[in-house]
Protein backbone atom coordinates (compact mmCIF):
# COMPACT_ATOMS: atom_id res chain seq x y z
CA UNK A 1 -233.01 230.52 -18.51
CA UNK A 2 -233.52 230.41 -22.70
CA UNK A 3 -231.78 227.42 -24.15
CA UNK A 4 -230.14 228.40 -27.35
CA UNK A 5 -228.07 227.20 -30.20
CA UNK A 6 -224.55 229.85 -29.86
CA UNK A 7 -221.57 229.32 -31.90
CA UNK A 8 -218.58 231.83 -30.60
CA UNK A 9 -215.68 232.56 -32.96
CA UNK A 10 -212.71 233.54 -31.38
CA UNK A 11 -208.95 232.25 -30.19
CA UNK A 12 -207.75 230.86 -27.32
CA UNK A 13 -205.21 233.72 -26.64
CA UNK A 14 -208.22 236.13 -26.28
CA UNK A 15 -208.93 237.51 -23.05
CA UNK A 16 -212.78 238.52 -24.28
CA UNK A 17 -213.09 235.10 -25.68
CA UNK A 18 -211.85 233.34 -22.24
CA UNK A 19 -214.37 235.75 -20.22
CA UNK A 20 -216.98 234.96 -22.64
CA UNK A 21 -216.89 230.73 -22.35
CA UNK A 22 -216.01 231.14 -18.66
CA UNK A 23 -219.66 232.93 -18.44
CA UNK A 24 -221.37 230.59 -20.53
CA UNK A 25 -219.84 227.22 -18.94
CA UNK A 26 -220.46 229.39 -15.67
CA UNK A 27 -224.44 229.65 -16.52
CA UNK A 28 -224.34 225.94 -17.82
CA UNK A 29 -224.87 227.61 -21.59
CA UNK A 30 -224.08 225.17 -24.70
CA UNK A 31 -222.13 226.59 -27.00
CA UNK A 32 -220.03 225.47 -30.42
CA UNK A 33 -216.40 226.52 -30.20
CA UNK A 34 -215.09 227.46 -33.27
CA UNK A 35 -211.02 228.54 -33.33
CA UNK A 36 -209.93 231.26 -35.88
CA UNK A 37 -206.50 230.36 -35.36
CA UNK A 38 -206.92 227.31 -36.42
CA UNK A 39 -209.94 227.59 -38.86
CA UNK A 40 -209.71 229.33 -41.98
CA UNK A 41 -213.20 229.08 -42.97
CA UNK A 42 -214.11 230.16 -39.60
CA UNK A 43 -212.01 233.27 -39.86
CA UNK A 44 -213.21 234.54 -42.77
CA UNK A 45 -216.87 234.21 -41.73
CA UNK A 46 -215.67 236.43 -38.86
CA UNK A 47 -213.92 238.97 -41.28
CA UNK A 48 -217.42 238.44 -43.32
CA UNK A 49 -219.48 239.64 -40.51
CA UNK A 50 -217.44 241.80 -39.30
CA UNK A 51 -217.19 244.31 -42.29
CA UNK A 52 -213.66 242.97 -43.37
CA UNK A 53 -212.43 243.05 -39.57
CA UNK A 54 -211.31 240.11 -37.67
CA UNK A 55 -213.15 241.15 -33.98
CA UNK A 56 -213.24 238.51 -31.42
CA UNK A 57 -215.32 237.18 -29.99
CA UNK A 58 -218.12 237.24 -32.71
CA UNK A 59 -221.41 235.05 -31.06
CA UNK A 60 -223.67 233.65 -33.49
CA UNK A 61 -227.22 233.25 -31.82
CA UNK A 62 -230.27 230.38 -33.41
CA UNK A 63 -232.44 233.92 -34.20
CA UNK A 64 -229.77 234.76 -36.52
CA UNK A 65 -228.46 237.59 -34.45
CA UNK A 66 -224.93 238.46 -33.32
CA UNK A 67 -222.73 240.21 -30.93
CA UNK A 68 -219.52 241.05 -31.22
CA UNK A 69 -216.95 241.65 -27.73
CA UNK A 70 -220.06 241.43 -25.76
CA UNK A 71 -219.50 242.59 -22.07
CA UNK A 72 -221.07 240.14 -19.84
CA UNK A 73 -224.46 242.08 -19.26
CA UNK A 74 -224.72 242.24 -22.90
CA UNK A 75 -225.13 238.18 -23.03
CA UNK A 76 -226.76 237.67 -20.06
CA UNK A 77 -229.30 240.87 -21.53
CA UNK A 78 -229.38 238.65 -24.60
CA UNK A 79 -229.91 235.17 -23.32
CA UNK A 80 -232.76 236.49 -20.65
CA UNK A 81 -230.36 235.46 -17.57
CA UNK A 82 -230.16 237.98 -14.52
CA UNK A 83 -228.15 240.97 -14.69
CA UNK A 84 -224.93 240.82 -13.10
CA UNK A 85 -224.82 243.25 -10.25
């Protein structure tokens, strides 16, 4: 398993954000949570990186790459985890 510094931008009402957090928690992957509803700088960052759109979750990795609304399979692949069956 790859250790990574991950920042997840999202909102508590978002089902994909909850799924992403659950996936990371289940695999003991540490991450920083940035709530785009309560943190206007976080919301502005998401809009900047997504060409003006507030698409969440937006996940930033320590290699400066990012995924937007990734599936669990895409997350597993990025993190070097065994792919879900």
